[in-house]
Amino acid sequence: IKIKLPETKYSDITLDIQDKVLDLRTPKKKLLLHLPYRVDSKNGKARFLSEEETLEVTLRVSRTFDFINF
């Protein structure tokens, strides 16, 4: 997930990820994003690219395996 955050510093970002929700807050912006699939919220990664003013969040989908997705 890539989120553009113009005029934002790394220290201003608060990010909380639950099983199916991404909650991002800065002093000027708020984003509550409902994710289409359950994710592994404990093992995600986030990095802020200050030159591009973009936050990149990488999450692994947590799905049970069946005959379709194995």
C-alpha atoms as a PDB file:
ATOM      1  CA  ILE A   1       0.000   0.000   0.000  1.00  0.00           C
ATOM      2  CA  LYS A   2       1.422   3.397  -0.965  1.00  0.00           C
ATOM      3  CA  ILE A   3       0.041   6.507   0.718  1.00  0.00           C
ATOM      4  CA  LYS A   4       1.018  10.029  -0.380  1.00  0.00           C
ATOM      5  CA  LEU A   5       1.579  12.331   2.609  1.00  0.00           C
ATOM      6  CA  PRO A   6       2.623  15.788   1.391  1.00  0.00           C
ATOM      7  CA  GLU A   7       4.148  18.147   3.949  1.00  0.00           C
ATOM      8  CA  THR A   8       4.471  15.361   6.544  1.00  0.00           C
ATOM      9  CA  LYS A   9       7.467  14.351   8.640  1.00  0.00           C
ATOM     10  CA  TYR A  10       8.210  10.777   9.688  1.00  0.00           C
ATOM     11  CA  SER A  11       7.843  11.700  13.356  1.00  0.00           C
ATOM     12  CA  ASP A  12       4.254  12.941  12.763  1.00  0.00           C
ATOM     13  CA  ILE A  13       2.963   9.569  11.491  1.00  0.00           C
ATOM     14  CA  THR A  14       0.989   7.177  13.694  1.00  0.00           C
ATOM     15  CA  LEU A  15       0.212   3.825  12.082  1.00  0.00           C
ATOM     16  CA  ASP A  16      -1.928   1.074  13.605  1.00  0.00           C
ATOM     17  CA  ILE A  17      -2.686  -2.139  11.737  1.00  0.00           C
ATOM     18  CA  GLN A  18      -5.294  -4.640  12.902  1.00  0.00           C
ATOM     19  CA  ASP A  19      -6.480  -7.845  11.202  1.00  0.00           C
ATOM     20  CA  LYS A  20      -8.570  -6.071   8.543  1.00  0.00           C
ATOM     21  CA  VAL A  21      -8.014  -2.350   9.218  1.00  0.00           C
ATOM     22  CA  LEU A  22      -5.201   0.122   8.577  1.00  0.00           C
ATOM     23  CA  ASP A  23      -5.431   3.287  10.708  1.00  0.00           C
ATOM     24  CA  LEU A  24      -3.090   6.145   9.740  1.00  0.00           C
ATOM     25  CA  ARG A  25      -3.002   9.510  11.500  1.00  0.00           C
ATOM     26  CA  THR A  26      -0.964  12.670  11.068  1.00  0.00           C
ATOM     27  CA  PRO A  27      -1.651  16.149  12.435  1.00  0.00           C
ATOM     28  CA  LYS A  28      -3.351  17.111   9.137  1.00  0.00           C
ATOM     29  CA  LYS A  29      -4.740  13.817   7.800  1.00  0.00           C
ATOM     30  CA  LYS A  30      -6.580  10.693   8.959  1.00  0.00           C
ATOM     31  CA  LEU A  31      -7.102   7.482   7.010  1.00  0.00           C
ATOM     32  CA  LEU A  32      -9.106   4.456   8.122  1.00  0.00           C
ATOM     33  CA  LEU A  33      -8.746   1.810   5.429  1.00  0.00           C
ATOM     34  CA  HIS A  34     -10.726  -1.429   5.581  1.00  0.00           C
ATOM     35  CA  LEU A  35      -8.591  -4.146   4.001  1.00  0.00           C
ATOM     36  CA  PRO A  36     -10.213  -6.718   1.688  1.00  0.00           C
ATOM     37  CA  TYR A  37      -8.427  -9.643   3.379  1.00  0.00           C
ATOM     38  CA  ARG A  38      -7.235 -10.500   6.874  1.00  0.00           C
ATOM     39  CA  VAL A  39      -3.516  -9.657   7.261  1.00  0.00           C
ATOM     40  CA  ASP A  40      -0.688 -10.690   9.574  1.00  0.00           C
ATOM     41  CA  SER A  41      -0.582  -7.444  11.543  1.00  0.00           C
ATOM     42  CA  LYS A  42       2.474  -8.433  13.613  1.00  0.00           C
ATOM     43  CA  ASN A  43       4.879  -8.989  10.699  1.00  0.00           C
ATOM     44  CA  GLY A  44       4.231  -6.072   8.366  1.00  0.00           C
ATOM     45  CA  LYS A  45       6.753  -3.470   7.259  1.00  0.00           C
ATOM     46  CA  ALA A  46       6.426   0.267   6.754  1.00  0.00           C
ATOM     47  CA  ARG A  47       8.892   2.810   5.442  1.00  0.00           C
ATOM     48  CA  PHE A  48       8.586   6.522   4.765  1.00  0.00           C
ATOM     49  CA  LEU A  49      10.228   7.872   1.623  1.00  0.00           C
ATOM     50  CA  SER A  50      10.764  11.512   2.565  1.00  0.00           C
ATOM     51  CA  GLU A  51      11.909  12.616  -0.903  1.00  0.00           C
ATOM     52  CA  GLU A  52       8.670  11.299  -2.441  1.00  0.00           C
ATOM     53  CA  GLU A  53       6.522  12.107   0.626  1.00  0.00           C
ATOM     54  CA  THR A  54       5.142   8.562   0.473  1.00  0.00           C
ATOM     55  CA  LEU A  55       4.532   5.892   3.099  1.00  0.00           C
ATOM     56  CA  GLU A  56       4.912   2.324   1.832  1.00  0.00           C
ATOM     57  CA  VAL A  57       3.229  -0.403   3.890  1.00  0.00           C
ATOM     58  CA  THR A  58       3.820  -4.083   3.102  1.00  0.00           C
ATOM     59  CA  LEU A  59       1.504  -6.651   4.663  1.00  0.00           C
ATOM     60  CA  ARG A  60       1.185 -10.406   4.236  1.00  0.00           C
ATOM     61  CA  VAL A  61      -2.312 -11.714   3.615  1.00  0.00           C
ATOM     62  CA  SER A  62      -3.336 -14.308   6.186  1.00  0.00           C
ATOM     63  CA  ARG A  63      -5.596 -16.854   4.470  1.00  0.00           C
ATOM     64  CA  THR A  64      -6.372 -20.464   5.098  1.00  0.00           C
ATOM     65  CA  PHE A  65      -5.378 -22.807   2.312  1.00  0.00           C
ATOM     66  CA  ASP A  66      -8.005 -24.715   0.387  1.00  0.00           C
ATOM     67  CA  PHE A  67      -8.268 -26.303  -3.050  1.00  0.00           C
ATOM     68  CA  ILE A  68      -8.314 -22.873  -4.754  1.00  0.00           C
ATOM     69  CA  ASN A  69      -5.445 -21.034  -3.012  1.00  0.00           C
ATOM     70  CA  PHE A  70      -2.678 -23.450  -2.083  1.00  0.00           C
END
